[in-house]
Amino acid sequence: MMYVTVDDVARVGPVSFNAVTMCDEVGVTDGLLNFHFGSRNELLAETLVWVYQRFVNEVADSVAQAKGDPEAKLRAWITAVHQGFVKMGGWGVLVNYPIASREVAYLAEHQHGKEFVDMAELNLARLQHLISDFKKGKVTDFSLEPGEIPKSFFIKNPGLTALTVSVALSTSGMAVWQGGRTEGQAKKEGSILDKLVIKTHVDRIIKSI
């Protein structure tokens, strides 16, 4: 049920997602959905956390596979976030605009809040580490896992943290712009101009650091 929900919401968004149709696709009754998850919205909340965890892990994998200079790894993070939101499709609405579905956002926060916050902090901490490496001109190890970010991590260097948030927001803005379109729109508009705009934006982010 979660796998089909991932695909359906990515395609049509959380508001248009039809749990009954999903159950028909899987070949189960809606009673089974309620037995396992409690409700349609609880299914969406649990799947949202799963989708976001996968996104953060895929971003980290892309950085790990990038060639070993600090700029390449930083660009890999930015590119992976952009591609991740395009792949995420309709889930990006819940990640970036939780008000779009208040009940799902409430359930995600109150039932899975720690998991979500841990992954968000980890993703931001990894970016901060990459920016620090870029400014120093060297690649260093980062081995922290979800829930292991020290409370002092983001406050010990407020200037670097502010820069990190700025880069994250600039990247997120580009990703949401590209990822918020339907598959058909993305193909139609995925032109050389699109690619040039994205490349120019990424270059400006890097230059601003």
C-alpha atoms as a PDB file:
ATOM      1  CA  MET A   1       0.000   0.000   0.000  1.00  0.00           C
ATOM      2  CA  MET A   2       2.797   2.434   0.806  1.00  0.00           C
ATOM      3  CA  TYR A   3       4.631   1.772  -2.472  1.00  0.00           C
ATOM      4  CA  VAL A   4       1.499   2.485  -4.527  1.00  0.00           C
ATOM      5  CA  THR A   5       0.736   5.539  -2.375  1.00  0.00           C
ATOM      6  CA  VAL A   6       4.234   6.883  -3.091  1.00  0.00           C
ATOM      7  CA  ASP A   7       3.618   6.666  -6.845  1.00  0.00           C
ATOM      8  CA  ASP A   8       0.023   7.937  -6.744  1.00  0.00           C
ATOM      9  CA  VAL A   9       0.749  11.027  -4.623  1.00  0.00           C
ATOM     10  CA  ALA A  10       3.857  11.823  -6.673  1.00  0.00           C
ATOM     11  CA  ARG A  11       1.636  11.833  -9.761  1.00  0.00           C
ATOM     12  CA  VAL A  12      -1.545  13.574  -8.549  1.00  0.00           C
ATOM     13  CA  GLY A  13      -0.633  15.249  -5.243  1.00  0.00           C
ATOM     14  CA  PRO A  14      -2.004  14.642  -1.729  1.00  0.00           C
ATOM     15  CA  VAL A  15      -5.351  16.376  -2.210  1.00  0.00           C
ATOM     16  CA  SER A  16      -6.357  14.321  -5.269  1.00  0.00           C
ATOM     17  CA  PHE A  17      -4.990  11.061  -3.850  1.00  0.00           C
ATOM     18  CA  ASN A  18      -7.826   8.520  -3.665  1.00  0.00           C
ATOM     19  CA  ALA A  19      -7.276   5.836  -1.030  1.00  0.00           C
ATOM     20  CA  VAL A  20     -10.057   3.639  -2.406  1.00  0.00           C
ATOM     21  CA  THR A  21      -8.463   3.650  -5.866  1.00  0.00           C
ATOM     22  CA  MET A  22      -5.123   2.800  -4.264  1.00  0.00           C
ATOM     23  CA  CYS A  23      -6.716  -0.167  -2.449  1.00  0.00           C
ATOM     24  CA  ASP A  24      -8.194  -1.358  -5.745  1.00  0.00           C
ATOM     25  CA  GLU A  25      -4.732  -1.161  -7.358  1.00  0.00           C
ATOM     26  CA  VAL A  26      -3.218  -3.239  -4.556  1.00  0.00           C
ATOM     27  CA  GLY A  27      -6.182  -5.629  -4.387  1.00  0.00           C
ATOM     28  CA  VAL A  28      -7.146  -5.014  -0.763  1.00  0.00           C
ATOM     29  CA  THR A  29     -10.180  -3.499   0.983  1.00  0.00           C
ATOM     30  CA  ASP A  30     -10.211  -0.067   2.564  1.00  0.00           C
ATOM     31  CA  GLY A  31     -10.859  -1.888   5.834  1.00  0.00           C
ATOM     32  CA  LEU A  32      -7.365  -3.355   5.604  1.00  0.00           C
ATOM     33  CA  LEU A  33      -5.972   0.142   5.102  1.00  0.00           C
ATOM     34  CA  ASN A  34      -7.728   1.296   8.269  1.00  0.00           C
ATOM     35  CA  PHE A  35      -6.512  -1.799  10.152  1.00  0.00           C
ATOM     36  CA  HIS A  36      -2.850  -1.152   9.278  1.00  0.00           C
ATOM     37  CA  PHE A  37      -2.729   2.667   9.315  1.00  0.00           C
ATOM     38  CA  GLY A  38      -5.922   3.924  10.967  1.00  0.00           C
ATOM     39  CA  SER A  39      -7.056   6.167   8.124  1.00  0.00           C
ATOM     40  CA  ARG A  40      -6.194   7.597   4.716  1.00  0.00           C
ATOM     41  CA  ASN A  41      -4.437  10.576   6.306  1.00  0.00           C
ATOM     42  CA  GLU A  42      -2.434   8.407   8.689  1.00  0.00           C
ATOM     43  CA  LEU A  43      -1.274   6.397   5.666  1.00  0.00           C
ATOM     44  CA  LEU A  44      -0.180   9.643   4.001  1.00  0.00           C
ATOM     45  CA  ALA A  45       1.588  10.859   7.155  1.00  0.00           C
ATOM     46  CA  GLU A  46       3.572   7.646   7.600  1.00  0.00           C
ATOM     47  CA  THR A  47       4.427   7.458   3.899  1.00  0.00           C
ATOM     48  CA  LEU A  48       5.505  11.111   3.904  1.00  0.00           C
ATOM     49  CA  VAL A  49       8.156  10.399   6.529  1.00  0.00           C
ATOM     50  CA  TRP A  50       9.324   7.378   4.547  1.00  0.00           C
ATOM     51  CA  VAL A  51       9.535   9.441   1.333  1.00  0.00           C
ATOM     52  CA  TYR A  52      11.512  12.173   3.099  1.00  0.00           C
ATOM     53  CA  GLN A  53      13.910   9.672   4.685  1.00  0.00           C
ATOM     54  CA  ARG A  54      14.557   8.135   1.274  1.00  0.00           C
ATOM     55  CA  PHE A  55      15.124  11.601  -0.195  1.00  0.00           C
ATOM     56  CA  VAL A  56      17.716  12.551   2.446  1.00  0.00           C
ATOM     57  CA  ASN A  57      19.522   9.221   2.045  1.00  0.00           C
ATOM     58  CA  GLU A  58      19.617   9.553  -1.751  1.00  0.00           C
ATOM     59  CA  VAL A  59      21.103  13.053  -1.432  1.00  0.00           C
ATOM     60  CA  ALA A  60      23.835  11.654   0.834  1.00  0.00           C
ATOM     61  CA  ASP A  61      24.512   8.806  -1.613  1.00  0.00           C
ATOM     62  CA  SER A  62      24.951  11.309  -4.464  1.00  0.00           C
ATOM     63  CA  VAL A  63      27.463  13.304  -2.415  1.00  0.00           C
ATOM     64  CA  ALA A  64      29.386  10.144  -1.504  1.00  0.00           C
ATOM     65  CA  GLN A  65      29.643   9.173  -5.188  1.00  0.00           C
ATOM     66  CA  ALA A  66      30.854  12.612  -6.317  1.00  0.00           C
ATOM     67  CA  LYS A  67      34.532  13.008  -7.166  1.00  0.00           C
ATOM     68  CA  GLY A  68      36.690  13.991  -4.261  1.00  0.00           C
ATOM     69  CA  ASP A  69      36.979  17.774  -4.381  1.00  0.00           C
ATOM     70  CA  PRO A  70      34.821  19.929  -2.092  1.00  0.00           C
ATOM     71  CA  GLU A  71      33.118  21.922  -4.856  1.00  0.00           C
ATOM     72  CA  ALA A  72      32.048  18.765  -6.691  1.00  0.00           C
ATOM     73  CA  LYS A  73      30.548  17.366  -3.497  1.00  0.00           C
ATOM     74  CA  LEU A  74      28.700  20.599  -2.729  1.00  0.00           C
ATOM     75  CA  ARG A  75      27.343  20.731  -6.286  1.00  0.00           C
ATOM     76  CA  ALA A  76      26.309  17.079  -5.916  1.00  0.00           C
ATOM     77  CA  TRP A  77      24.229  17.983  -2.835  1.00  0.00           C
ATOM     78  CA  ILE A  78      22.505  20.866  -4.623  1.00  0.00           C
ATOM     79  CA  THR A  79      21.855  18.793  -7.749  1.00  0.00           C
ATOM     80  CA  ALA A  80      20.566  15.815  -5.757  1.00  0.00           C
ATOM     81  CA  VAL A  81      18.116  18.007  -3.813  1.00  0.00           C
ATOM     82  CA  HIS A  82      16.837  19.462  -7.073  1.00  0.00           C
ATOM     83  CA  GLN A  83      16.454  16.051  -8.718  1.00  0.00           C
ATOM     84  CA  GLY A  84      14.950  14.619  -5.540  1.00  0.00           C
ATOM     85  CA  PHE A  85      12.127  17.152  -5.512  1.00  0.00           C
ATOM     86  CA  VAL A  86      11.438  16.565  -9.195  1.00  0.00           C
ATOM     87  CA  LYS A  87      11.199  12.838  -8.449  1.00  0.00           C
ATOM     88  CA  MET A  88       9.105  13.519  -5.337  1.00  0.00           C
ATOM     89  CA  GLY A  89       6.412  15.272  -7.369  1.00  0.00           C
ATOM     90  CA  GLY A  90       3.269  15.803  -5.309  1.00  0.00           C
ATOM     91  CA  TRP A  91       5.012  14.880  -2.058  1.00  0.00           C
ATOM     92  CA  GLY A  92       6.915  18.153  -2.315  1.00  0.00           C
ATOM     93  CA  VAL A  93       3.672  19.950  -1.454  1.00  0.00           C
ATOM     94  CA  LEU A  94       3.536  18.229   1.943  1.00  0.00           C
ATOM     95  CA  VAL A  95       7.243  18.743   2.592  1.00  0.00           C
ATOM     96  CA  ASN A  96       7.280  22.447   1.732  1.00  0.00           C
ATOM     97  CA  TYR A  97       3.669  23.556   2.254  1.00  0.00           C
ATOM     98  CA  PRO A  98       2.180  21.461   5.090  1.00  0.00           C
ATOM     99  CA  ILE A  99      -0.763  23.850   5.285  1.00  0.00           C
ATOM    100  CA  ALA A 100      -1.921  22.277   2.010  1.00  0.00           C
ATOM    101  CA  SER A 101      -3.100  19.305   4.082  1.00  0.00           C
ATOM    102  CA  ARG A 102      -3.391  20.318   7.722  1.00  0.00           C
ATOM    103  CA  GLU A 103      -4.479  16.935   9.079  1.00  0.00           C
ATOM    104  CA  VAL A 104      -1.686  15.027   7.336  1.00  0.00           C
ATOM    105  CA  ALA A 105       0.843  17.602   8.541  1.00  0.00           C
ATOM    106  CA  TYR A 106      -0.529  17.363  12.092  1.00  0.00           C
ATOM    107  CA  LEU A 107      -0.321  13.558  12.070  1.00  0.00           C
ATOM    108  CA  ALA A 108       3.178  13.601  10.617  1.00  0.00           C
ATOM    109  CA  GLU A 109       4.315  16.039  13.306  1.00  0.00           C
ATOM    110  CA  HIS A 110       2.659  14.309  16.272  1.00  0.00           C
ATOM    111  CA  GLN A 111       3.178  10.678  15.285  1.00  0.00           C
ATOM    112  CA  HIS A 112       6.483  10.865  13.395  1.00  0.00           C
ATOM    113  CA  GLY A 113       7.831  14.280  14.339  1.00  0.00           C
ATOM    114  CA  LYS A 114      11.148  13.115  15.789  1.00  0.00           C
ATOM    115  CA  GLU A 115      11.953  10.986  12.730  1.00  0.00           C
ATOM    116  CA  PHE A 116      11.199  13.910  10.418  1.00  0.00           C
ATOM    117  CA  VAL A 117      13.164  16.455  12.471  1.00  0.00           C
ATOM    118  CA  ASP A 118      16.134  14.090  12.823  1.00  0.00           C
ATOM    119  CA  MET A 119      16.332  13.637   9.042  1.00  0.00           C
ATOM    120  CA  ALA A 120      15.875  17.362   8.344  1.00  0.00           C
ATOM    121  CA  GLU A 121      18.628  18.269  10.832  1.00  0.00           C
ATOM    122  CA  LEU A 122      20.906  15.608   9.387  1.00  0.00           C
ATOM    123  CA  ASN A 123      20.402  16.898   5.847  1.00  0.00           C
ATOM    124  CA  LEU A 124      21.131  20.471   6.953  1.00  0.00           C
ATOM    125  CA  ALA A 125      24.150  19.385   9.020  1.00  0.00           C
ATOM    126  CA  ARG A 126      25.576  17.542   6.018  1.00  0.00           C
ATOM    127  CA  LEU A 127      25.150  20.662   3.898  1.00  0.00           C
ATOM    128  CA  GLN A 128      26.843  22.789   6.559  1.00  0.00           C
ATOM    129  CA  HIS A 129      29.756  20.352   6.620  1.00  0.00           C
ATOM    130  CA  LEU A 130      30.030  20.510   2.808  1.00  0.00           C
ATOM    131  CA  ILE A 131      30.025  24.319   2.866  1.00  0.00           C
ATOM    132  CA  SER A 132      32.697  24.321   5.568  1.00  0.00           C
ATOM    133  CA  ASP A 133      34.822  21.940   3.484  1.00  0.00           C
ATOM    134  CA  PHE A 134      34.311  24.118   0.390  1.00  0.00           C
ATOM    135  CA  LYS A 135      35.473  27.228   2.234  1.00  0.00           C
ATOM    136  CA  LYS A 136      38.510  25.352   3.581  1.00  0.00           C
ATOM    137  CA  GLY A 137      39.293  23.770   0.204  1.00  0.00           C
ATOM    138  CA  LYS A 138      39.426  20.202   1.483  1.00  0.00           C
ATOM    139  CA  VAL A 139      37.211  17.155   1.956  1.00  0.00           C
ATOM    140  CA  THR A 140      36.758  15.826   5.496  1.00  0.00           C
ATOM    141  CA  ASP A 141      34.692  12.978   6.930  1.00  0.00           C
ATOM    142  CA  PHE A 142      31.142  13.376   8.209  1.00  0.00           C
ATOM    143  CA  SER A 143      29.866  10.315  10.033  1.00  0.00           C
ATOM    144  CA  LEU A 144      26.867  11.482  12.094  1.00  0.00           C
ATOM    145  CA  GLU A 145      23.554   9.653  11.689  1.00  0.00           C
ATOM    146  CA  PRO A 146      19.906  10.634  12.377  1.00  0.00           C
ATOM    147  CA  GLY A 147      19.405  11.695  15.990  1.00  0.00           C
ATOM    148  CA  GLU A 148      23.156  12.164  16.577  1.00  0.00           C
ATOM    149  CA  ILE A 149      23.459  15.867  15.730  1.00  0.00           C
ATOM    150  CA  PRO A 150      24.797  17.617  18.869  1.00  0.00           C
ATOM    151  CA  LYS A 151      22.652  20.469  20.213  1.00  0.00           C
ATOM    152  CA  SER A 152      25.658  22.772  19.788  1.00  0.00           C
ATOM    153  CA  PHE A 153      26.162  21.884  16.104  1.00  0.00           C
ATOM    154  CA  PHE A 154      24.216  24.790  14.607  1.00  0.00           C
ATOM    155  CA  ILE A 155      24.924  27.406  17.295  1.00  0.00           C
ATOM    156  CA  LYS A 156      28.699  27.109  17.620  1.00  0.00           C
ATOM    157  CA  ASN A 157      29.196  28.905  14.298  1.00  0.00           C
ATOM    158  CA  PRO A 158      26.130  31.113  13.683  1.00  0.00           C
ATOM    159  CA  GLY A 159      27.638  32.745  10.580  1.00  0.00           C
ATOM    160  CA  LEU A 160      28.178  29.384   8.905  1.00  0.00           C
ATOM    161  CA  THR A 161      24.723  28.220   9.945  1.00  0.00           C
ATOM    162  CA  ALA A 162      23.126  31.354   8.458  1.00  0.00           C
ATOM    163  CA  LEU A 163      25.014  30.749   5.211  1.00  0.00           C
ATOM    164  CA  THR A 164      23.920  27.112   5.221  1.00  0.00           C
ATOM    165  CA  VAL A 165      20.254  28.058   5.606  1.00  0.00           C
ATOM    166  CA  SER A 166      20.624  30.593   2.786  1.00  0.00           C
ATOM    167  CA  VAL A 167      22.075  27.948   0.459  1.00  0.00           C
ATOM    168  CA  ALA A 168      19.387  25.453   1.503  1.00  0.00           C
ATOM    169  CA  LEU A 169      16.573  27.934   0.816  1.00  0.00           C
ATOM    170  CA  SER A 170      18.056  28.951  -2.540  1.00  0.00           C
ATOM    171  CA  THR A 171      18.345  25.296  -3.513  1.00  0.00           C
ATOM    172  CA  SER A 172      14.866  24.476  -2.243  1.00  0.00           C
ATOM    173  CA  GLY A 173      13.342  27.371  -4.170  1.00  0.00           C
ATOM    174  CA  MET A 174      14.831  26.096  -7.417  1.00  0.00           C
ATOM    175  CA  ALA A 175      13.789  22.525  -6.623  1.00  0.00           C
ATOM    176  CA  VAL A 176      10.196  23.447  -5.763  1.00  0.00           C
ATOM    177  CA  TRP A 177       9.911  25.534  -8.947  1.00  0.00           C
ATOM    178  CA  GLN A 178      11.013  22.597 -11.080  1.00  0.00           C
ATOM    179  CA  GLY A 179       9.352  19.849  -9.044  1.00  0.00           C
ATOM    180  CA  GLY A 180       5.954  21.488  -8.770  1.00  0.00           C
ATOM    181  CA  ARG A 181       5.076  20.789 -12.390  1.00  0.00           C
ATOM    182  CA  THR A 182       3.307  17.799 -13.855  1.00  0.00           C
ATOM    183  CA  GLU A 183       5.319  15.207 -15.757  1.00  0.00           C
ATOM    184  CA  GLY A 184       3.935  16.555 -19.036  1.00  0.00           C
ATOM    185  CA  GLN A 185       4.861  20.131 -18.148  1.00  0.00           C
ATOM    186  CA  ALA A 186       8.325  19.067 -17.079  1.00  0.00           C
ATOM    187  CA  LYS A 187       8.943  17.340 -20.411  1.00  0.00           C
ATOM    188  CA  LYS A 188       7.545  20.271 -22.392  1.00  0.00           C
ATOM    189  CA  GLU A 189       9.491  22.873 -20.419  1.00  0.00           C
ATOM    190  CA  GLY A 190      12.622  20.792 -19.793  1.00  0.00           C
ATOM    191  CA  SER A 191      14.400  22.742 -22.482  1.00  0.00           C
ATOM    192  CA  ILE A 192      17.911  24.059 -22.938  1.00  0.00           C
ATOM    193  CA  LEU A 193      16.660  27.315 -21.385  1.00  0.00           C
ATOM    194  CA  ASP A 194      15.480  25.419 -18.292  1.00  0.00           C
ATOM    195  CA  LYS A 195      18.875  23.747 -17.949  1.00  0.00           C
ATOM    196  CA  LEU A 196      20.695  27.042 -18.469  1.00  0.00           C
ATOM    197  CA  VAL A 197      18.595  28.772 -15.800  1.00  0.00           C
ATOM    198  CA  ILE A 198      19.280  25.957 -13.337  1.00  0.00           C
ATOM    199  CA  LYS A 199      23.023  25.899 -14.086  1.00  0.00           C
ATOM    200  CA  THR A 200      23.247  29.685 -13.726  1.00  0.00           C
ATOM    201  CA  HIS A 201      21.373  29.551 -10.426  1.00  0.00           C
ATOM    202  CA  VAL A 202      23.650  26.822  -9.042  1.00  0.00           C
ATOM    203  CA  ASP A 203      26.738  28.750 -10.194  1.00  0.00           C
ATOM    204  CA  ARG A 204      25.454  31.824  -8.366  1.00  0.00           C
ATOM    205  CA  ILE A 205      24.861  29.837  -5.188  1.00  0.00           C
ATOM    206  CA  ILE A 206      28.405  28.478  -5.297  1.00  0.00           C
ATOM    207  CA  LYS A 207      29.866  31.902  -6.058  1.00  0.00           C
ATOM    208  CA  SER A 208      27.967  33.470  -3.149  1.00  0.00           C
ATOM    209  CA  ILE A 209      29.754  31.146  -0.700  1.00  0.00           C
END
